[in-house]
């Protein structure tokens, strides 16, 4: 009977140790899962941060390209205005020369006709 009592105590102690070991392993597993979840959340936050930075860079690049394009359009427009002014100036110069030549020939004809008289 004493042996049976000792055997029962021994089995109960083994059962308690087994239960403690099982609870310990469960706590370790829970802790491992918690750390894994934290790691994944941190990775997700980092990915979201990188995505925001990338989006800002894309927007900055697009804005820079738009500014470059606008600056090129301004330069092209200024160049076109400059060329147009040069054409007008050249045309006026030619027109003035022509008008001057016409006037000069007219005066020469008048002088020639007066000289004949």
PDB file of N, CA and C in Angstrom:
ATOM      1  N   UNK A   1       0.836  -1.199   0.000  1.00  0.00           N
ATOM      2  CA  UNK A   1       0.000   0.000   0.000  1.00  0.00           C
ATOM      3  C   UNK A   1       0.865   1.240   0.000  1.00  0.00           C
ATOM      4  N   UNK A   2       1.927   1.195   0.820  1.00  0.00           N
ATOM      5  CA  UNK A   2       2.848   2.341   0.853  1.00  0.00           C
ATOM      6  C   UNK A   2       3.492   2.528  -0.511  1.00  0.00           C
ATOM      7  N   UNK A   3       3.861   1.394  -1.109  1.00  0.00           N
ATOM      8  CA  UNK A   3       4.464   1.458  -2.441  1.00  0.00           C
ATOM      9  C   UNK A   3       3.487   2.077  -3.424  1.00  0.00           C
ATOM     10  N   UNK A   4       2.234   1.690  -3.322  1.00  0.00           N
ATOM     11  CA  UNK A   4       1.226   2.232  -4.237  1.00  0.00           C
ATOM     12  C   UNK A   4       1.077   3.732  -4.009  1.00  0.00           C
ATOM     13  N   UNK A   5       1.146   4.171  -2.757  1.00  0.00           N
ATOM     14  CA  UNK A   5       1.058   5.594  -2.443  1.00  0.00           C
ATOM     15  C   UNK A   5       2.248   6.347  -3.009  1.00  0.00           C
ATOM     16  N   UNK A   6       3.410   5.769  -2.859  1.00  0.00           N
ATOM     17  CA  UNK A   6       4.617   6.419  -3.406  1.00  0.00           C
ATOM     18  C   UNK A   6       4.551   6.459  -4.927  1.00  0.00           C
ATOM     19  N   UNK A   7       4.087   5.376  -5.479  1.00  0.00           N
ATOM     20  CA  UNK A   7       3.979   5.316  -6.945  1.00  0.00           C
ATOM     21  C   UNK A   7       3.000   6.369  -7.444  1.00  0.00           C
ATOM     22  N   UNK A   8       1.887   6.519  -6.718  1.00  0.00           N
ATOM     23  CA  UNK A   8       0.891   7.526  -7.107  1.00  0.00           C
ATOM     24  C   UNK A   8       1.487   8.926  -6.985  1.00  0.00           C
ATOM     25  N   UNK A   9       2.206   9.205  -5.899  1.00  0.00           N
ATOM     26  CA  UNK A   9       2.857  10.516  -5.728  1.00  0.00           C
ATOM     27  C   UNK A   9       3.869  10.755  -6.843  1.00  0.00           C
ATOM     28  N   UNK A  10       4.638   9.701  -7.126  1.00  0.00           N
ATOM     29  CA  UNK A  10       5.630   9.839  -8.195  1.00  0.00           C
ATOM     30  C   UNK A  10       4.940  10.141  -9.521  1.00  0.00           C
ATOM     31  N   UNK A  11       3.874   9.456  -9.809  1.00  0.00           N
ATOM     32  CA  UNK A  11       3.151   9.705 -11.066  1.00  0.00           C
ATOM     33  C   UNK A  11       2.540  11.103 -11.070  1.00  0.00           C
ATOM     34  N   UNK A  12       2.022  11.532  -9.931  1.00  0.00           N
ATOM     35  CA  UNK A  12       1.458  12.882  -9.860  1.00  0.00           C
ATOM     36  C   UNK A  12       2.556  13.933 -10.047  1.00  0.00           C
ATOM     37  N   UNK A  13       3.726  13.712  -9.423  1.00  0.00           N
ATOM     38  CA  UNK A  13       4.853  14.646  -9.578  1.00  0.00           C
ATOM     39  C   UNK A  13       5.285  14.674 -11.039  1.00  0.00           C
ATOM     40  N   UNK A  14       5.345  13.496 -11.673  1.00  0.00           N
ATOM     41  CA  UNK A  14       5.710  13.449 -13.100  1.00  0.00           C
ATOM     42  C   UNK A  14       4.660  14.194 -13.926  1.00  0.00           C
ATOM     43  N   UNK A  15       3.408  14.013 -13.584  1.00  0.00           N
ATOM     44  CA  UNK A  15       2.324  14.676 -14.316  1.00  0.00           C
ATOM     45  C   UNK A  15       2.430  16.191 -14.124  1.00  0.00           C
ATOM     46  N   UNK A  16       2.734  16.647 -12.873  1.00  0.00           N
ATOM     47  CA  UNK A  16       2.895  18.090 -12.628  1.00  0.00           C
ATOM     48  C   UNK A  16       4.076  18.634 -13.430  1.00  0.00           C
ATOM     49  N   UNK A  17       5.211  17.876 -13.404  1.00  0.00           N
ATOM     50  CA  UNK A  17       6.382  18.324 -14.171  1.00  0.00           C
ATOM     51  C   UNK A  17       6.058  18.361 -15.676  1.00  0.00           C
ATOM     52  N   UNK A  18       5.354  17.387 -16.132  1.00  0.00           N
ATOM     53  CA  UNK A  18       4.967  17.339 -17.555  1.00  0.00           C
ATOM     54  C   UNK A  18       4.058  18.533 -17.892  1.00  0.00           C
ATOM     55  N   UNK A  19       3.110  18.800 -16.977  1.00  0.00           N
ATOM     56  CA  UNK A  19       2.210  19.952 -17.188  1.00  0.00           C
ATOM     57  C   UNK A  19       2.994  21.261 -17.162  1.00  0.00           C
ATOM     58  N   UNK A  20       3.943  21.394 -16.224  1.00  0.00           N
ATOM     59  CA  UNK A  20       4.784  22.603 -16.164  1.00  0.00           C
ATOM     60  C   UNK A  20       5.620  22.734 -17.435  1.00  0.00           C
ATOM     61  N   UNK A  21       6.197  21.610 -17.882  1.00  0.00           N
ATOM     62  CA  UNK A  21       6.985  21.632 -19.119  1.00  0.00           C
ATOM     63  C   UNK A  21       6.103  22.041 -20.305  1.00  0.00           C
ATOM     64  N   UNK A  22       4.895  21.476 -20.364  1.00  0.00           N
ATOM     65  CA  UNK A  22       3.980  21.807 -21.460  1.00  0.00           C
ATOM     66  C   UNK A  22       3.609  23.287 -21.412  1.00  0.00           C
ATOM     67  N   UNK A  23       3.311  23.838 -20.225  1.00  0.00           N
ATOM     68  CA  UNK A  23       2.980  25.268 -20.090  1.00  0.00           C
ATOM     69  C   UNK A  23       4.181  26.134 -20.471  1.00  0.00           C
ATOM     70  N   UNK A  24       5.385  25.697 -20.026  1.00  0.00           N
ATOM     71  CA  UNK A  24       6.607  26.442 -20.366  1.00  0.00           C
ATOM     72  C   UNK A  24       6.789  26.475 -21.885  1.00  0.00           C
ATOM     73  N   UNK A  25       6.652  25.302 -22.520  1.00  0.00           N
ATOM     74  CA  UNK A  25       6.801  25.241 -23.981  1.00  0.00           C
ATOM     75  C   UNK A  25       5.735  26.097 -24.666  1.00  0.00           C
ATOM     76  N   UNK A  26       4.531  26.107 -24.116  1.00  0.00           N
ATOM     77  CA  UNK A  26       3.465  26.936 -24.709  1.00  0.00           C
ATOM     78  C   UNK A  26       3.804  28.419 -24.573  1.00  0.00           C
ATOM     79  N   UNK A  27       4.318  28.816 -23.385  1.00  0.00           N
ATOM     80  CA  UNK A  27       4.727  30.224 -23.200  1.00  0.00           C
ATOM     81  C   UNK A  27       5.837  30.583 -24.188  1.00  0.00           C
ATOM     82  N   UNK A  28       6.813  29.656 -24.361  1.00  0.00           N
ATOM     83  CA  UNK A  28       7.906  29.908 -25.312  1.00  0.00           C
ATOM     84  C   UNK A  28       7.344  30.045 -26.735  1.00  0.00           C
ATOM     85  N   UNK A  29       6.419  29.181 -27.091  1.00  0.00           N
ATOM     86  CA  UNK A  29       5.807  29.234 -28.432  1.00  0.00           C
ATOM     87  C   UNK A  29       5.017  30.542 -28.594  1.00  0.00           C
ATOM     88  N   UNK A  30       4.248  30.915 -27.570  1.00  0.00           N
ATOM     89  CA  UNK A  30       3.483  32.171 -27.628  1.00  0.00           C
ATOM     90  C   UNK A  30       4.431  33.357 -27.798  1.00  0.00           C
ATOM     91  N   UNK A  31       5.535  33.344 -27.032  1.00  0.00           N
ATOM     92  CA  UNK A  31       6.518  34.427 -27.114  1.00  0.00           C
ATOM     93  C   UNK A  31       7.159  34.461 -28.505  1.00  0.00           C
ATOM     94  N   UNK A  32       7.479  33.278 -29.037  1.00  0.00           N
ATOM     95  CA  UNK A  32       8.065  33.216 -30.383  1.00  0.00           C
ATOM     96  C   UNK A  32       7.082  33.785 -31.412  1.00  0.00           C
ATOM     97  N   UNK A  33       5.810  33.416 -31.304  1.00  0.00           N
ATOM     98  CA  UNK A  33       4.804  33.925 -32.243  1.00  0.00           C
ATOM     99  C   UNK A  33       4.625  35.444 -32.098  1.00  0.00           C
ATOM    100  N   UNK A  34       4.651  35.919 -30.836  1.00  0.00           N
ATOM    101  CA  UNK A  34       4.516  37.361 -30.598  1.00  0.00           C
ATOM    102  C   UNK A  34       5.682  38.114 -31.254  1.00  0.00           C
ATOM    103  N   UNK A  35       6.913  37.592 -31.057  1.00  0.00           N
ATOM    104  CA  UNK A  35       8.084  38.238 -31.672  1.00  0.00           C
ATOM    105  C   UNK A  35       7.991  38.201 -33.200  1.00  0.00           C
ATOM    106  N   UNK A  36       7.531  37.088 -33.734  1.00  0.00           N
ATOM    107  CA  UNK A  36       7.373  36.959 -35.196  1.00  0.00           C
ATOM    108  C   UNK A  36       6.352  37.990 -35.712  1.00  0.00           C
ATOM    109  N   UNK A  37       5.243  38.130 -34.974  1.00  0.00           N
ATOM    110  CA  UNK A  37       4.218  39.099 -35.370  1.00  0.00           C
ATOM    111  C   UNK A  37       4.792  40.524 -35.312  1.00  0.00           C
ATOM    112  N   UNK A  38       5.540  40.835 -34.265  1.00  0.00           N
ATOM    113  CA  UNK A  38       6.170  42.158 -34.160  1.00  0.00           C
ATOM    114  C   UNK A  38       7.135  42.387 -35.316  1.00  0.00           C
ATOM    115  N   UNK A  39       7.911  41.350 -35.642  1.00  0.00           N
ATOM    116  CA  UNK A  39       8.865  41.466 -36.755  1.00  0.00           C
ATOM    117  C   UNK A  39       8.119  41.750 -38.063  1.00  0.00           C
ATOM    118  N   UNK A  40       7.025  41.026 -38.285  1.00  0.00           N
ATOM    119  CA  UNK A  40       6.245  41.241 -39.522  1.00  0.00           C
ATOM    120  C   UNK A  40       5.638  42.641 -39.558  1.00  0.00           C
ATOM    121  N   UNK A  41       5.126  43.086 -38.412  1.00  0.00           N
ATOM    122  CA  UNK A  41       4.563  44.443 -38.358  1.00  0.00           C
ATOM    123  C   UNK A  41       5.643  45.486 -38.652  1.00  0.00           C
ATOM    124  N   UNK A  42       6.822  45.272 -38.089  1.00  0.00           N
ATOM    125  CA  UNK A  42       7.930  46.210 -38.326  1.00  0.00           C
ATOM    126  C   UNK A  42       8.323  46.180 -39.807  1.00  0.00           C
ATOM    127  N   UNK A  43       8.369  45.001 -40.405  1.00  0.00           N
ATOM    128  CA  UNK A  43       8.680  44.896 -41.841  1.00  0.00           C
ATOM    129  C   UNK A  43       7.620  45.628 -42.657  1.00  0.00           C
ATOM    130  N   UNK A  44       6.347  45.466 -42.257  1.00  0.00           N
ATOM    131  CA  UNK A  44       5.260  46.133 -42.977  1.00  0.00           C
ATOM    132  C   UNK A  44       5.401  47.652 -42.858  1.00  0.00           C
ATOM    133  N   UNK A  45       5.682  48.137 -41.644  1.00  0.00           N
ATOM    134  CA  UNK A  45       5.868  49.589 -41.457  1.00  0.00           C
ATOM    135  C   UNK A  45       7.028  50.097 -42.313  1.00  0.00           C
ATOM    136  N   UNK A  46       8.122  49.336 -42.314  1.00  0.00           N
ATOM    137  CA  UNK A  46       9.292  49.741 -43.099  1.00  0.00           C
ATOM    138  C   UNK A  46       8.949  49.752 -44.592  1.00  0.00           C
ATOM    139  N   UNK A  47       8.217  48.736 -45.041  1.00  0.00           N
ATOM    140  CA  UNK A  47       7.815  48.689 -46.459  1.00  0.00           C
ATOM    141  C   UNK A  47       6.916  49.885 -46.794  1.00  0.00           C
ATOM    142  N   UNK A  48       6.007  50.217 -45.886  1.00  0.00           N
ATOM    143  CA  UNK A  48       5.125  51.362 -46.118  1.00  0.00           C
ATOM    144  C   UNK A  48       5.937  52.660 -46.149  1.00  0.00           C
ATOM    145  N   UNK A  49       6.915  52.772 -45.252  1.00  0.00           N
ATOM    146  CA  UNK A  49       7.760  53.971 -45.235  1.00  0.00           C
ATOM    147  C   UNK A  49       8.541  54.087 -46.556  1.00  0.00           C
ATOM    148  N   UNK A  50       9.117  52.957 -47.008  1.00  0.00           N
ATOM    149  CA  UNK A  50       9.877  52.979 -48.266  1.00  0.00           C
ATOM    150  C   UNK A  50       8.953  53.341 -49.432  1.00  0.00           C
ATOM    151  N   UNK A  51       7.716  52.835 -49.388  1.00  0.00           N
ATOM    152  CA  UNK A  51       6.763  53.149 -50.458  1.00  0.00           C
ATOM    153  C   UNK A  51       6.443  54.648 -50.461  1.00  0.00           C
ATOM    154  N   UNK A  52       6.281  55.230 -49.259  1.00  0.00           N
ATOM    155  CA  UNK A  52       6.005  56.678 -49.194  1.00  0.00           C
ATOM    156  C   UNK A  52       7.190  57.472 -49.733  1.00  0.00           C
ATOM    157  N   UNK A  53       8.400  57.080 -49.346  1.00  0.00           N
ATOM    158  CA  UNK A  53       9.600  57.774 -49.825  1.00  0.00           C
ATOM    159  C   UNK A  53       9.689  57.649 -51.346  1.00  0.00           C
ATOM    160  N   UNK A  54       9.451  56.435 -51.847  1.00  0.00           N
ATOM    161  CA  UNK A  54       9.510  56.222 -53.299  1.00  0.00           C
ATOM    162  C   UNK A  54       8.464  57.083 -54.007  1.00  0.00           C
ATOM    163  N   UNK A  55       7.261  57.155 -53.439  1.00  0.00           N
ATOM    164  CA  UNK A  55       6.204  57.971 -54.040  1.00  0.00           C
ATOM    165  C   UNK A  55       6.604  59.444 -54.050  1.00  0.00           C
ATOM    166  N   UNK A  56       7.204  59.903 -52.952  1.00  0.00           N
ATOM    167  CA  UNK A  56       7.665  61.297 -52.906  1.00  0.00           C
ATOM    168  C   UNK A  56       8.730  61.540 -53.971  1.00  0.00           C
ATOM    169  N   UNK A  57       9.636  60.572 -54.125  1.00  0.00           N
ATOM    170  CA  UNK A  57      10.683  60.726 -55.144  1.00  0.00           C
ATOM    171  C   UNK A  57      10.072  60.781 -56.534  1.00  0.00           C
ATOM    172  N   UNK A  58       9.077  59.912 -56.772  1.00  0.00           N
ATOM    173  CA  UNK A  58       8.405  59.905 -58.082  1.00  0.00           C
ATOM    174  C   UNK A  58       7.739  61.257 -58.322  1.00  0.00           C
ATOM    175  N   UNK A  59       7.051  61.770 -57.280  1.00  0.00           N
ATOM    176  CA  UNK A  59       6.384  63.058 -57.426  1.00  0.00           C
ATOM    177  C   UNK A  59       7.393  64.177 -57.647  1.00  0.00           C
ATOM    178  N   UNK A  60       8.516  64.138 -56.916  1.00  0.00           N
ATOM    179  CA  UNK A  60       9.558  65.158 -57.103  1.00  0.00           C
ATOM    180  C   UNK A  60      10.136  65.068 -58.511  1.00  0.00           C
ATOM    181  N   UNK A  61      10.377  63.832 -58.970  1.00  0.00           N
ATOM    182  CA  UNK A  61      10.916  63.640 -60.316  1.00  0.00           C
ATOM    183  C   UNK A  61       9.937  64.171 -61.361  1.00  0.00           C
ATOM    184  N   UNK A  62       8.650  63.855 -61.170  1.00  0.00           N
ATOM    185  CA  UNK A  62       7.636  64.338 -62.117  1.00  0.00           C
ATOM    186  C   UNK A  62       7.589  65.864 -62.104  1.00  0.00           C
ATOM    187  N   UNK A  63       7.647  66.451 -60.917  1.00  0.00           N
ATOM    188  CA  UNK A  63       7.625  67.914 -60.818  1.00  0.00           C
ATOM    189  C   UNK A  63       8.862  68.508 -61.489  1.00  0.00           C
ATOM    190  N   UNK A  64      10.014  67.881 -61.275  1.00  0.00           N
ATOM    191  CA  UNK A  64      11.252  68.370 -61.896  1.00  0.00           C
ATOM    192  C   UNK A  64      11.152  68.267 -63.418  1.00  0.00           C
ATOM    193  N   UNK A  65      10.604  67.152 -63.910  1.00  0.00           N
ATOM    194  CA  UNK A  65      10.454  66.992 -65.362  1.00  0.00           C
ATOM    195  C   UNK A  65       9.492  68.038 -65.923  1.00  0.00           C
ATOM    196  N   UNK A  66       8.402  68.301 -65.178  1.00  0.00           N
ATOM    197  CA  UNK A  66       7.446  69.311 -65.639  1.00  0.00           C
ATOM    198  C   UNK A  66       8.108  70.685 -65.659  1.00  0.00           C
ATOM    199  N   UNK A  67       8.902  70.980 -64.637  1.00  0.00           N
ATOM    200  CA  UNK A  67       9.601  72.264 -64.583  1.00  0.00           C
ATOM    201  C   UNK A  67      10.593  72.372 -65.731  1.00  0.00           C
ATOM    202  N   UNK A  68      11.320  71.285 -66.006  1.00  0.00           N
ATOM    203  CA  UNK A  68      12.262  71.281 -67.132  1.00  0.00           C
ATOM    204  C   UNK A  68      11.532  71.531 -68.446  1.00  0.00           C
ATOM    205  N   UNK A  69      10.403  70.834 -68.616  1.00  0.00           N
ATOM    206  CA  UNK A  69       9.634  70.982 -69.851  1.00  0.00           C
ATOM    207  C   UNK A  69       9.131  72.419 -69.988  1.00  0.00           C
ATOM    208  N   UNK A  70       8.642  72.986 -68.880  1.00  0.00           N
ATOM    209  CA  UNK A  70       8.162  74.374 -68.919  1.00  0.00           C
ATOM    210  C   UNK A  70       9.308  75.322 -69.267  1.00  0.00           C
ATOM    211  N   UNK A  71      10.466  75.091 -68.662  1.00  0.00           N
ATOM    212  CA  UNK A  71      11.627  75.939 -68.953  1.00  0.00           C
ATOM    213  C   UNK A  71      12.020  75.821 -70.426  1.00  0.00           C
ATOM    214  N   UNK A  72      11.959  74.605 -70.972  1.00  0.00           N
ATOM    215  CA  UNK A  72      12.285  74.425 -72.397  1.00  0.00           C
ATOM    216  C   UNK A  72      11.270  75.162 -73.264  1.00  0.00           C
ATOM    217  N   UNK A  73       9.991  75.089 -72.883  1.00  0.00           N
ATOM    218  CA  UNK A  73       8.971  75.794 -73.659  1.00  0.00           C
ATOM    219  C   UNK A  73       9.217  77.299 -73.627  1.00  0.00           C
ATOM    220  N   UNK A  74       9.588  77.817 -72.455  1.00  0.00           N
ATOM    221  CA  UNK A  74       9.891  79.251 -72.337  1.00  0.00           C
ATOM    222  C   UNK A  74      11.078  79.602 -73.235  1.00  0.00           C
ATOM    223  N   UNK A  75      12.136  78.758 -73.187  1.00  0.00           N
ATOM    224  CA  UNK A  75      13.310  79.029 -74.033  1.00  0.00           C
ATOM    225  C   UNK A  75      12.934  78.993 -75.517  1.00  0.00           C
ATOM    226  N   UNK A  76      12.124  77.990 -75.898  1.00  0.00           N
ATOM    227  CA  UNK A  76      11.717  77.907 -77.312  1.00  0.00           C
ATOM    228  C   UNK A  76      10.898  79.136 -77.713  1.00  0.00           C
ATOM    229  N   UNK A  77       9.991  79.561 -76.829  1.00  0.00           N
ATOM    230  CA  UNK A  77       9.149  80.725 -77.133  1.00  0.00           C
ATOM    231  C   UNK A  77      10.016  81.980 -77.254  1.00  0.00           C
ATOM    232  N   UNK A  78      10.969  82.142 -76.332  1.00  0.00           N
ATOM    233  CA  UNK A  78      11.859  83.309 -76.400  1.00  0.00           C
ATOM    234  C   UNK A  78      12.675  83.292 -77.690  1.00  0.00           C
ATOM    235  N   UNK A  79      13.176  82.118 -78.061  1.00  0.00           N
ATOM    236  CA  UNK A  79      13.972  81.990 -79.290  1.00  0.00           C
ATOM    237  C   UNK A  79      13.104  82.325 -80.506  1.00  0.00           C
ATOM    238  N   UNK A  80      11.861  81.855 -80.498  1.00  0.00           N
ATOM    239  CA  UNK A  80      10.954  82.136 -81.609  1.00  0.00           C
ATOM    240  C   UNK A  80      10.684  83.644 -81.703  1.00  0.00           C
ATOM    241  N   UNK A  81      10.454  84.284 -80.547  1.00  0.00           N
ATOM    242  CA  UNK A  81      10.229  85.741 -80.532  1.00  0.00           C
ATOM    243  C   UNK A  81      11.475  86.458 -81.046  1.00  0.00           C
ATOM    244  N   UNK A  82      12.653  86.019 -80.602  1.00  0.00           N
ATOM    245  CA  UNK A  82      13.899  86.645 -81.055  1.00  0.00           C
ATOM    246  C   UNK A  82      14.039  86.520 -82.572  1.00  0.00           C
ATOM    247  N   UNK A  83      13.772  85.306 -83.103  1.00  0.00           N
ATOM    248  CA  UNK A  83      13.880  85.108 -84.558  1.00  0.00           C
ATOM    249  C   UNK A  83      12.856  85.968 -85.303  1.00  0.00           C
ATOM    250  N   UNK A  84      11.652  86.038 -84.743  1.00  0.00           N
ATOM    251  CA  UNK A  84      10.607  86.844 -85.383  1.00  0.00           C
ATOM    252  C   UNK A  84      11.018  88.319 -85.415  1.00  0.00           C
ATOM    253  N   UNK A  85      11.588  88.799 -84.304  1.00  0.00           N
ATOM    254  CA  UNK A  85      12.053  90.195 -84.266  1.00  0.00           C
ATOM    255  C   UNK A  85      13.173  90.423 -85.275  1.00  0.00           C
ATOM    256  N   UNK A  86      14.083  89.447 -85.395  1.00  0.00           N
ATOM    257  CA  UNK A  86      15.158  89.568 -86.381  1.00  0.00           C
ATOM    258  C   UNK A  86      14.577  89.637 -87.795  1.00  0.00           C
ATOM    259  N   UNK A  87      13.584  88.778 -88.078  1.00  0.00           N
ATOM    260  CA  UNK A  87      12.957  88.798 -89.409  1.00  0.00           C
ATOM    261  C   UNK A  87      12.301  90.158 -89.662  1.00  0.00           C
ATOM    262  N   UNK A  88      11.585  90.655 -88.638  1.00  0.00           N
ATOM    263  CA  UNK A  88      10.941  91.974 -88.798  1.00  0.00           C
ATOM    264  C   UNK A  88      11.988  93.054 -89.031  1.00  0.00           C
ATOM    265  N   UNK A  89      13.070  93.037 -88.228  1.00  0.00           N
ATOM    266  CA  UNK A  89      14.123  94.043 -88.355  1.00  0.00           C
ATOM    267  C   UNK A  89      14.753  93.966 -89.749  1.00  0.00           C
ATOM    268  N   UNK A  90      15.054  92.718 -90.179  1.00  0.00           N
ATOM    269  CA  UNK A  90      15.651  92.551 -91.510  1.00  0.00           C
ATOM    270  C   UNK A  90      14.692  93.034 -92.586  1.00  0.00           C
ATOM    271  N   UNK A  91      13.413  92.714 -92.412  1.00  0.00           N
ATOM    272  CA  UNK A  91      12.417  93.128 -93.395  1.00  0.00           C
ATOM    273  C   UNK A  91      12.321  94.651 -93.435  1.00  0.00           C
ATOM    274  N   UNK A  92      12.284  95.260 -92.226  1.00  0.00           N
ATOM    275  CA  UNK A  92      12.205  96.725 -92.166  1.00  0.00           C
ATOM    276  C   UNK A  92      13.460  97.360 -92.770  1.00  0.00           C
ATOM    277  N   UNK A  93      14.608  96.739 -92.457  1.00  0.00           N
ATOM    278  CA  UNK A  93      15.857  97.251 -93.025  1.00  0.00           C
ATOM    279  C   UNK A  93      15.774  97.215 -94.552  1.00  0.00           C
ATOM    280  N   UNK A  94      15.326  96.062 -95.079  1.00  0.00           N
ATOM    281  CA  UNK A  94      15.202  95.907 -96.533  1.00  0.00           C
ATOM    282  C   UNK A  94      14.170  96.885 -97.066  1.00  0.00           C
ATOM    283  N   UNK A  95      13.045  97.003 -96.324  1.00  0.00           N
ATOM    284  CA  UNK A  95      11.986  97.919 -96.771  1.00  0.00           C
ATOM    285  C   UNK A  95      12.499  99.355 -96.765  1.00  0.00           C
ATOM    286  N   UNK A  96      13.267  99.728 -95.736  1.00  0.00           N
ATOM    287  CA  UNK A  96      13.818 101.084 -95.688  1.00  0.00           C
ATOM    288  C   UNK A  96      14.783 101.314 -96.832  1.00  0.00           C
ATOM    289  N   UNK A  97      15.625 100.314 -97.087  1.00  0.00           N
ATOM    290  CA  UNK A  97      16.572 100.440 -98.204  1.00  0.00           C
ATOM    291  C   UNK A  97      15.789 100.592 -99.506  1.00  0.00           C
ATOM    292  N   UNK A  98      14.764  99.751 -99.673  1.00  0.00           N
ATOM    293  CA  UNK A  98      13.960  99.808-100.900  1.00  0.00           C
ATOM    294  C   UNK A  98      13.280 101.157-101.023  1.00  0.00           C
ATOM    295  N   UNK A  99      12.674 101.617 -99.920  1.00  0.00           N
ATOM    296  CA  UNK A  99      11.988 102.916 -99.960  1.00  0.00           C
ATOM    297  C   UNK A  99      13.000 104.013-100.273  1.00  0.00           C
ATOM    298  N   UNK A 100      14.169 103.906 -99.660  1.00  0.00           N
ATOM    299  CA  UNK A 100      15.219 104.895 -99.907  1.00  0.00           C
ATOM    300  C   UNK A 100      15.649 104.862-101.370  1.00  0.00           C
ATOM    301  N   UNK A 101      15.817 103.635-101.903  1.00  0.00           N
ATOM    302  CA  UNK A 101      16.213 103.492-103.321  1.00  0.00           C
ATOM    303  C   UNK A 101      15.146 104.067-104.241  1.00  0.00           C
ATOM    304  N   UNK A 102      13.877 103.761-103.927  1.00  0.00           N
ATOM    305  CA  UNK A 102      12.782 104.283-104.763  1.00  0.00           C
ATOM    306  C   UNK A 102      12.792 105.809-104.742  1.00  0.00           C
ATOM    307  N   UNK A 103      12.932 106.352-103.527  1.00  0.00           N
ATOM    308  CA  UNK A 103      12.946 107.817-103.387  1.00  0.00           C
ATOM    309  C   UNK A 103      14.151 108.423-104.121  1.00  0.00           C
ATOM    310  N   UNK A 104      15.301 107.760-103.972  1.00  0.00           N
ATOM    311  CA  UNK A 104      16.521 108.256-104.604  1.00  0.00           C
ATOM    312  C   UNK A 104      16.369 108.250-106.135  1.00  0.00           C
ATOM    313  N   UNK A 105      15.837 107.177-106.687  1.00  0.00           N
ATOM    314  CA  UNK A 105      15.653 107.092-108.153  1.00  0.00           C
ATOM    315  C   UNK A 105      14.655 108.133-108.635  1.00  0.00           C
ATOM    316  N   UNK A 106      13.602 108.325-107.798  1.00  0.00           N
ATOM    317  CA  UNK A 106      12.594 109.317-108.154  1.00  0.00           C
ATOM    318  C   UNK A 106      13.251 110.707-108.222  1.00  0.00           C
ATOM    319  N   UNK A 107      14.062 111.023-107.195  1.00  0.00           N
ATOM    320  CA  UNK A 107      14.752 112.326-107.161  1.00  0.00           C
ATOM    321  C   UNK A 107      15.718 112.420-108.346  1.00  0.00           C
ATOM    322  N   UNK A 108      16.429 111.335-108.647  1.00  0.00           N
ATOM    323  CA  UNK A 108      17.365 111.351-109.777  1.00  0.00           C
ATOM    324  C   UNK A 108      16.628 111.589-111.089  1.00  0.00           C
ATOM    325  N   UNK A 109      15.462 110.956-111.252  1.00  0.00           N
ATOM    326  CA  UNK A 109      14.675 111.162-112.479  1.00  0.00           C
ATOM    327  C   UNK A 109      14.216 112.614-112.588  1.00  0.00           C
ATOM    328  N   UNK A 110      13.772 113.123-111.415  1.00  0.00           N
ATOM    329  CA  UNK A 110      13.333 114.524-111.440  1.00  0.00           C
ATOM    330  C   UNK A 110      14.489 115.457-111.792  1.00  0.00           C
ATOM    331  N   UNK A 111      15.644 115.207-111.196  1.00  0.00           N
ATOM    332  CA  UNK A 111      16.816 116.048-111.487  1.00  0.00           C
ATOM    333  C   UNK A 111      17.205 115.919-112.966  1.00  0.00           C
ATOM    334  N   UNK A 112      17.122 114.659-113.448  1.00  0.00           N
ATOM    335  CA  UNK A 112      17.487 114.437-114.862  1.00  0.00           C
ATOM    336  C   UNK A 112      16.511 115.152-115.785  1.00  0.00           C
ATOM    337  N   UNK A 113      15.210 115.083-115.413  1.00  0.00           N
ATOM    338  CA  UNK A 113      14.242 115.737-116.283  1.00  0.00           C
ATOM    339  C   UNK A 113      14.386 117.250-116.180  1.00  0.00           C
ATOM    340  N   UNK A 114      14.758 117.767-114.993  1.00  0.00           N
ATOM    341  CA  UNK A 114      14.976 119.200-114.847  1.00  0.00           C
ATOM    342  C   UNK A 114      16.226 119.621-115.610  1.00  0.00           C
ATOM    343  N   UNK A 115      17.216 118.751-115.623  1.00  0.00           N
ATOM    344  CA  UNK A 115      18.468 119.080-116.321  1.00  0.00           C
ATOM    345  C   UNK A 115      18.218 119.130-117.823  1.00  0.00           C
ATOM    346  N   UNK A 116      17.309 118.309-118.349  1.00  0.00           N
ATOM    347  CA  UNK A 116      17.000 118.309-119.764  1.00  0.00           C
ATOM    348  C   UNK A 116      16.300 119.602-120.170  1.00  0.00           C
ATOM    349  N   UNK A 117      15.573 120.159-119.220  1.00  0.00           N
ATOM    350  CA  UNK A 117      14.790 121.374-119.546  1.00  0.00           C
ATOM    351  C   UNK A 117      15.677 122.538-119.642  1.00  0.00           C
TER     352      UNK A 117
END
